[in-house]
Structure formats: structure tokens, C-alpha cells
Amino acid sequence: MKEKIHPKFYTDCKVTCGCGNTFITGSTKPELRVDVCSKCHPFYTGQQRSVAARGRIEKFNKRYNVESK
């Protein structure tokens, strides 16, 4: 590897999420701020499936009520 062309690597990079969760990782920046993390992202929390199902249920109820009139 060539010398003096690579950025400095920080092994103790503090990552702060919008939900308040913090954790330590490695990065080329000493501190990172992110909008979503694995604690609040719908895919990892399992809420994505319920949100999608909720929309289908509302759509079914709306269609059922319209047809029953």
C-alpha cells in the first residue's frame, strides 16, 4: 500500500441515532450522526410487516363498507 494516501481510521467512532441510541464502531470519521439505526428501523423492529398489514386491513374494510351499502 502507498503511504500517506489513505484517510485516518478511527476504531472508536461514536455513532448517534436520531432515536437516541448510541454505539461504537470503526470509521474514517471520529463521530457520526444517523437518522435510523437497527433499534428504530421498521425492518429490524418487525413493525414493517404490521404496518403493511394494517394498510391492507383498512383497504379491505373500506371496500367492504362501500359494497355493503
PDB file of N, CA and C in Angstrom:
ATOM      1  N   MET A   1       0.831  -1.188   0.000  1.00  0.00           N
ATOM      2  CA  MET A   1       0.000   0.000   0.000  1.00  0.00           C
ATOM      3  C   MET A   1       0.874   1.249   0.000  1.00  0.00           C
ATOM      4  N   LYS A   2       0.414   2.249  -0.706  1.00  0.00           N
ATOM      5  CA  LYS A   2       1.142   3.511  -0.716  1.00  0.00           C
ATOM      6  C   LYS A   2       0.922   4.237   0.607  1.00  0.00           C
ATOM      7  N   GLU A   3       1.940   4.946   1.020  1.00  0.00           N
ATOM      8  CA  GLU A   3       1.843   5.693   2.270  1.00  0.00           C
ATOM      9  C   GLU A   3       1.260   7.080   2.015  1.00  0.00           C
ATOM     10  N   LYS A   4       0.600   7.610   3.022  1.00  0.00           N
ATOM     11  CA  LYS A   4       0.073   8.981   3.047  1.00  0.00           C
ATOM     12  C   LYS A   4      -1.035   9.254   2.024  1.00  0.00           C
ATOM     13  N   ILE A   5      -1.744   8.207   1.536  1.00  0.00           N
ATOM     14  CA  ILE A   5      -2.889   8.455   0.658  1.00  0.00           C
ATOM     15  C   ILE A   5      -4.192   7.958   1.279  1.00  0.00           C
ATOM     16  N   HIS A   6      -4.105   7.217   2.361  1.00  0.00           N
ATOM     17  CA  HIS A   6      -5.294   6.654   2.990  1.00  0.00           C
ATOM     18  C   HIS A   6      -5.760   7.550   4.136  1.00  0.00           C
ATOM     19  N   PRO A   7      -7.078   7.695   4.317  1.00  0.00           N
ATOM     20  CA  PRO A   7      -7.568   8.515   5.436  1.00  0.00           C
ATOM     21  C   PRO A   7      -7.316   7.821   6.770  1.00  0.00           C
ATOM     22  N   LYS A   8      -7.261   8.601   7.821  1.00  0.00           N
ATOM     23  CA  LYS A   8      -7.072   8.044   9.157  1.00  0.00           C
ATOM     24  C   LYS A   8      -8.302   7.230   9.542  1.00  0.00           C
ATOM     25  N   PHE A   9      -8.087   6.046  10.131  1.00  0.00           N
ATOM     26  CA  PHE A   9      -9.186   5.174  10.542  1.00  0.00           C
ATOM     27  C   PHE A   9      -9.336   5.251  12.052  1.00  0.00           C
ATOM     28  N   TYR A  10     -10.538   5.623  12.496  1.00  0.00           N
ATOM     29  CA  TYR A  10     -10.841   5.713  13.922  1.00  0.00           C
ATOM     30  C   TYR A  10     -11.526   4.421  14.350  1.00  0.00           C
ATOM     31  N   THR A  11     -10.914   3.691  15.284  1.00  0.00           N
ATOM     32  CA  THR A  11     -11.516   2.435  15.744  1.00  0.00           C
ATOM     33  C   THR A  11     -12.626   2.688  16.752  1.00  0.00           C
ATOM     34  N   ASP A  12     -12.632   3.855  17.370  1.00  0.00           N
ATOM     35  CA  ASP A  12     -13.669   4.194  18.352  1.00  0.00           C
ATOM     36  C   ASP A  12     -14.527   5.340  17.839  1.00  0.00           C
ATOM     37  N   CYS A  13     -15.246   5.109  16.766  1.00  0.00           N
ATOM     38  CA  CYS A  13     -16.151   6.108  16.203  1.00  0.00           C
ATOM     39  C   CYS A  13     -17.493   6.004  16.921  1.00  0.00           C
ATOM     40  N   LYS A  14     -17.958   7.102  17.492  1.00  0.00           N
ATOM     41  CA  LYS A  14     -19.238   7.119  18.198  1.00  0.00           C
ATOM     42  C   LYS A  14     -20.336   7.452  17.203  1.00  0.00           C
ATOM     43  N   VAL A  15     -21.329   6.568  17.094  1.00  0.00           N
ATOM     44  CA  VAL A  15     -22.467   6.768  16.201  1.00  0.00           C
ATOM     45  C   VAL A  15     -23.684   7.108  17.055  1.00  0.00           C
ATOM     46  N   THR A  16     -24.359   8.210  16.715  1.00  0.00           N
ATOM     47  CA  THR A  16     -25.545   8.653  17.447  1.00  0.00           C
ATOM     48  C   THR A  16     -26.728   8.656  16.491  1.00  0.00           C
ATOM     49  N   CYS A  17     -27.802   7.977  16.881  1.00  0.00           N
ATOM     50  CA  CYS A  17     -29.008   7.896  16.062  1.00  0.00           C
ATOM     51  C   CYS A  17     -30.002   8.984  16.478  1.00  0.00           C
ATOM     52  N   GLY A  18     -30.941   9.275  15.618  1.00  0.00           N
ATOM     53  CA  GLY A  18     -31.986  10.243  15.915  1.00  0.00           C
ATOM     54  C   GLY A  18     -32.893   9.803  17.052  1.00  0.00           C
ATOM     55  N   CYS A  19     -32.978   8.480  17.290  1.00  0.00           N
ATOM     56  CA  CYS A  19     -33.821   7.971  18.373  1.00  0.00           C
ATOM     57  C   CYS A  19     -33.123   8.041  19.727  1.00  0.00           C
ATOM     58  N   GLY A  20     -31.823   8.383  19.731  1.00  0.00           N
ATOM     59  CA  GLY A  20     -31.087   8.487  20.981  1.00  0.00           C
ATOM     60  C   GLY A  20     -30.147   7.323  21.226  1.00  0.00           C
ATOM     61  N   ASN A  21     -30.194   6.297  20.423  1.00  0.00           N
ATOM     62  CA  ASN A  21     -29.313   5.143  20.569  1.00  0.00           C
ATOM     63  C   ASN A  21     -27.903   5.532  20.154  1.00  0.00           C
ATOM     64  N   THR A  22     -26.902   5.078  20.906  1.00  0.00           N
ATOM     65  CA  THR A  22     -25.508   5.310  20.559  1.00  0.00           C
ATOM     66  C   THR A  22     -24.758   3.993  20.593  1.00  0.00           C
ATOM     67  N   PHE A  23     -23.755   3.870  19.732  1.00  0.00           N
ATOM     68  CA  PHE A  23     -22.882   2.701  19.740  1.00  0.00           C
ATOM     69  C   PHE A  23     -21.538   3.082  19.144  1.00  0.00           C
ATOM     70  N   ILE A  24     -20.549   2.220  19.353  1.00  0.00           N
ATOM     71  CA  ILE A  24     -19.187   2.454  18.903  1.00  0.00           C
ATOM     72  C   ILE A  24     -18.875   1.515  17.742  1.00  0.00           C
ATOM     73  N   THR A  25     -18.243   2.064  16.705  1.00  0.00           N
ATOM     74  CA  THR A  25     -17.848   1.273  15.538  1.00  0.00           C
ATOM     75  C   THR A  25     -16.575   1.878  14.964  1.00  0.00           C
ATOM     76  N   GLY A  26     -16.103   1.356  13.856  1.00  0.00           N
ATOM     77  CA  GLY A  26     -14.928   1.896  13.190  1.00  0.00           C
ATOM     78  C   GLY A  26     -15.324   2.697  11.965  1.00  0.00           C
ATOM     79  N   SER A  27     -14.635   3.811  11.725  1.00  0.00           N
ATOM     80  CA  SER A  27     -14.960   4.662  10.583  1.00  0.00           C
ATOM     81  C   SER A  27     -13.787   5.586  10.284  1.00  0.00           C
ATOM     82  N   THR A  28     -13.871   6.281   9.176  1.00  0.00           N
ATOM     83  CA  THR A  28     -12.861   7.278   8.845  1.00  0.00           C
ATOM     84  C   THR A  28     -13.207   8.638   9.437  1.00  0.00           C
ATOM     85  N   LYS A  29     -14.320   8.717  10.162  1.00  0.00           N
ATOM     86  CA  LYS A  29     -14.707   9.949  10.854  1.00  0.00           C
ATOM     87  C   LYS A  29     -14.792   9.646  12.351  1.00  0.00           C
ATOM     88  N   PRO A  30     -14.439  10.597  13.205  1.00  0.00           N
ATOM     89  CA  PRO A  30     -14.460  10.327  14.646  1.00  0.00           C
ATOM     90  C   PRO A  30     -15.860  10.247  15.243  1.00  0.00           C
ATOM     91  N   GLU A  31     -16.853  10.881  14.592  1.00  0.00           N
ATOM     92  CA  GLU A  31     -18.219  10.868  15.118  1.00  0.00           C
ATOM     93  C   GLU A  31     -19.202  10.912  13.960  1.00  0.00           C
ATOM     94  N   LEU A  32     -20.279  10.107  14.056  1.00  0.00           N
ATOM     95  CA  LEU A  32     -21.312  10.063  13.025  1.00  0.00           C
ATOM     96  C   LEU A  32     -22.678  10.278  13.650  1.00  0.00           C
ATOM     97  N   ARG A  33     -23.569  10.925  12.898  1.00  0.00           N
ATOM     98  CA  ARG A  33     -24.964  11.083  13.302  1.00  0.00           C
ATOM     99  C   ARG A  33     -25.826  10.505  12.186  1.00  0.00           C
ATOM    100  N   VAL A  34     -26.735   9.587  12.557  1.00  0.00           N
ATOM    101  CA  VAL A  34     -27.590   8.921  11.577  1.00  0.00           C
ATOM    102  C   VAL A  34     -29.052   9.142  11.932  1.00  0.00           C
ATOM    103  N   ASP A  35     -29.928   8.975  10.936  1.00  0.00           N
ATOM    104  CA  ASP A  35     -31.364   9.161  11.152  1.00  0.00           C
ATOM    105  C   ASP A  35     -32.013   7.914  11.731  1.00  0.00           C
ATOM    106  N   VAL A  36     -31.646   6.746  11.235  1.00  0.00           N
ATOM    107  CA  VAL A  36     -32.228   5.495  11.705  1.00  0.00           C
ATOM    108  C   VAL A  36     -31.114   4.495  12.000  1.00  0.00           C
ATOM    109  N   CYS A  37     -31.387   3.607  12.951  1.00  0.00           N
ATOM    110  CA  CYS A  37     -30.446   2.548  13.304  1.00  0.00           C
ATOM    111  C   CYS A  37     -31.220   1.244  13.429  1.00  0.00           C
ATOM    112  N   SER A  38     -30.541   0.184  13.828  1.00  0.00           N
ATOM    113  CA  SER A  38     -31.202  -1.118  13.939  1.00  0.00           C
ATOM    114  C   SER A  38     -32.211  -1.162  15.087  1.00  0.00           C
ATOM    115  N   LYS A  39     -32.147  -0.219  16.015  1.00  0.00           N
ATOM    116  CA  LYS A  39     -33.104  -0.181  17.127  1.00  0.00           C
ATOM    117  C   LYS A  39     -34.418   0.479  16.743  1.00  0.00           C
ATOM    118  N   CYS A  40     -34.404   1.358  15.726  1.00  0.00           N
ATOM    119  CA  CYS A  40     -35.629   2.094  15.386  1.00  0.00           C
ATOM    120  C   CYS A  40     -36.086   1.878  13.946  1.00  0.00           C
ATOM    121  N   HIS A  41     -35.314   1.171  13.124  1.00  0.00           N
ATOM    122  CA  HIS A  41     -35.700   0.945  11.729  1.00  0.00           C
ATOM    123  C   HIS A  41     -36.830  -0.083  11.668  1.00  0.00           C
ATOM    124  N   PRO A  42     -37.896   0.166  10.911  1.00  0.00           N
ATOM    125  CA  PRO A  42     -39.044  -0.746  10.870  1.00  0.00           C
ATOM    126  C   PRO A  42     -38.687  -2.157  10.404  1.00  0.00           C
ATOM    127  N   PHE A  43     -37.735  -2.319   9.520  1.00  0.00           N
ATOM    128  CA  PHE A  43     -37.374  -3.655   9.039  1.00  0.00           C
ATOM    129  C   PHE A  43     -36.806  -4.507  10.165  1.00  0.00           C
ATOM    130  N   TYR A  44     -35.967  -3.922  11.018  1.00  0.00           N
ATOM    131  CA  TYR A  44     -35.330  -4.670  12.099  1.00  0.00           C
ATOM    132  C   TYR A  44     -36.216  -4.804  13.327  1.00  0.00           C
ATOM    133  N   THR A  45     -37.148  -3.883  13.531  1.00  0.00           N
ATOM    134  CA  THR A  45     -38.016  -3.965  14.703  1.00  0.00           C
ATOM    135  C   THR A  45     -39.237  -4.834  14.452  1.00  0.00           C
ATOM    136  N   GLY A  46     -39.502  -5.199  13.188  1.00  0.00           N
ATOM    137  CA  GLY A  46     -40.643  -6.050  12.875  1.00  0.00           C
ATOM    138  C   GLY A  46     -41.931  -5.281  12.687  1.00  0.00           C
ATOM    139  N   GLN A  47     -41.905  -3.973  12.725  1.00  0.00           N
ATOM    140  CA  GLN A  47     -43.109  -3.177  12.576  1.00  0.00           C
ATOM    141  C   GLN A  47     -43.473  -2.947  11.120  1.00  0.00           C
ATOM    142  N   GLN A  48     -42.547  -3.217  10.213  1.00  0.00           N
ATOM    143  CA  GLN A  48     -42.816  -3.019   8.796  1.00  0.00           C
ATOM    144  C   GLN A  48     -43.936  -3.940   8.326  1.00  0.00           C
ATOM    145  N   ARG A  49     -43.908  -5.168   8.762  1.00  0.00           N
ATOM    146  CA  ARG A  49     -44.928  -6.130   8.362  1.00  0.00           C
ATOM    147  C   ARG A  49     -46.296  -5.723   8.901  1.00  0.00           C
ATOM    148  N   SER A  50     -46.364  -5.271  10.151  1.00  0.00           N
ATOM    149  CA  SER A  50     -47.657  -4.895  10.725  1.00  0.00           C
ATOM    150  C   SER A  50     -48.204  -3.634  10.062  1.00  0.00           C
ATOM    151  N   VAL A  51     -47.325  -2.714   9.683  1.00  0.00           N
ATOM    152  CA  VAL A  51     -47.773  -1.500   9.007  1.00  0.00           C
ATOM    153  C   VAL A  51     -48.375  -1.861   7.652  1.00  0.00           C
ATOM    154  N   ALA A  52     -47.724  -2.761   6.921  1.00  0.00           N
ATOM    155  CA  ALA A  52     -48.232  -3.179   5.619  1.00  0.00           C
ATOM    156  C   ALA A  52     -49.566  -3.913   5.785  1.00  0.00           C
ATOM    157  N   ALA A  53     -49.668  -4.765   6.794  1.00  0.00           N
ATOM    158  CA  ALA A  53     -50.913  -5.491   7.036  1.00  0.00           C
ATOM    159  C   ALA A  53     -52.028  -4.526   7.444  1.00  0.00           C
ATOM    160  N   ARG A  54     -51.673  -3.539   8.234  1.00  0.00           N
ATOM    161  CA  ARG A  54     -52.663  -2.567   8.677  1.00  0.00           C
ATOM    162  C   ARG A  54     -53.274  -1.845   7.479  1.00  0.00           C
ATOM    163  N   GLY A  55     -52.462  -1.500   6.501  1.00  0.00           N
ATOM    164  CA  GLY A  55     -52.962  -0.832   5.308  1.00  0.00           C
ATOM    165  C   GLY A  55     -53.890  -1.724   4.511  1.00  0.00           C
ATOM    166  N   ARG A  56     -53.558  -3.017   4.418  1.00  0.00           N
ATOM    167  CA  ARG A  56     -54.413  -3.956   3.693  1.00  0.00           C
ATOM    168  C   ARG A  56     -55.736  -4.156   4.411  1.00  0.00           C
ATOM    169  N   ILE A  57     -55.701  -4.190   5.731  1.00  0.00           N
ATOM    170  CA  ILE A  57     -56.929  -4.363   6.517  1.00  0.00           C
ATOM    171  C   ILE A  57     -57.844  -3.161   6.328  1.00  0.00           C
ATOM    172  N   GLU A  58     -57.266  -1.947   6.387  1.00  0.00           N
ATOM    173  CA  GLU A  58     -58.075  -0.736   6.189  1.00  0.00           C
ATOM    174  C   GLU A  58     -58.659  -0.708   4.788  1.00  0.00           C
ATOM    175  N   LYS A  59     -57.873  -1.114   3.801  1.00  0.00           N
ATOM    176  CA  LYS A  59     -58.354  -1.149   2.427  1.00  0.00           C
ATOM    177  C   LYS A  59     -59.512  -2.147   2.293  1.00  0.00           C
ATOM    178  N   PHE A  60     -59.387  -3.311   2.936  1.00  0.00           N
ATOM    179  CA  PHE A  60     -60.447  -4.315   2.892  1.00  0.00           C
ATOM    180  C   PHE A  60     -61.709  -3.788   3.567  1.00  0.00           C
ATOM    181  N   ASN A  61     -61.555  -3.191   4.754  1.00  0.00           N
ATOM    182  CA  ASN A  61     -62.719  -2.664   5.477  1.00  0.00           C
ATOM    183  C   ASN A  61     -63.405  -1.554   4.687  1.00  0.00           C
ATOM    184  N   LYS A  62     -62.629  -0.699   4.055  1.00  0.00           N
ATOM    185  CA  LYS A  62     -63.198   0.376   3.269  1.00  0.00           C
ATOM    186  C   LYS A  62     -63.980  -0.196   2.087  1.00  0.00           C
ATOM    187  N   ARG A  63     -63.396  -1.142   1.418  1.00  0.00           N
ATOM    188  CA  ARG A  63     -64.080  -1.756   0.266  1.00  0.00           C
ATOM    189  C   ARG A  63     -65.319  -2.521   0.736  1.00  0.00           C
ATOM    190  N   TYR A  64     -65.234  -3.207   1.847  1.00  0.00           N
ATOM    191  CA  TYR A  64     -66.379  -3.969   2.358  1.00  0.00           C
ATOM    192  C   TYR A  64     -67.521  -3.040   2.729  1.00  0.00           C
ATOM    193  N   ASN A  65     -67.220  -1.931   3.410  1.00  0.00           N
ATOM    194  CA  ASN A  65     -68.266  -0.990   3.798  1.00  0.00           C
ATOM    195  C   ASN A  65     -68.900  -0.334   2.585  1.00  0.00           C
ATOM    196  N   VAL A  66     -68.148  -0.049   1.569  1.00  0.00           N
ATOM    197  CA  VAL A  66     -68.676   0.572   0.347  1.00  0.00           C
ATOM    198  C   VAL A  66     -69.603  -0.409  -0.368  1.00  0.00           C
ATOM    199  N   GLU A  67     -69.217  -1.661  -0.437  1.00  0.00           N
ATOM    200  CA  GLU A  67     -70.023  -2.657  -1.133  1.00  0.00           C
ATOM    201  C   GLU A  67     -71.298  -3.015  -0.380  1.00  0.00           C
ATOM    202  N   SER A  68     -71.283  -2.916   0.947  1.00  0.00           N
ATOM    203  CA  SER A  68     -72.442  -3.321   1.729  1.00  0.00           C
ATOM    204  C   SER A  68     -73.553  -2.270   1.734  1.00  0.00           C
ATOM    205  N   LYS A  69     -73.301  -1.060   1.264  1.00  0.00           N
ATOM    206  CA  LYS A  69     -74.301  -0.001   1.269  1.00  0.00           C
ATOM    207  C   LYS A  69     -75.350  -0.188   0.224  1.00  0.00           C
TER     208      LYS A  69
END
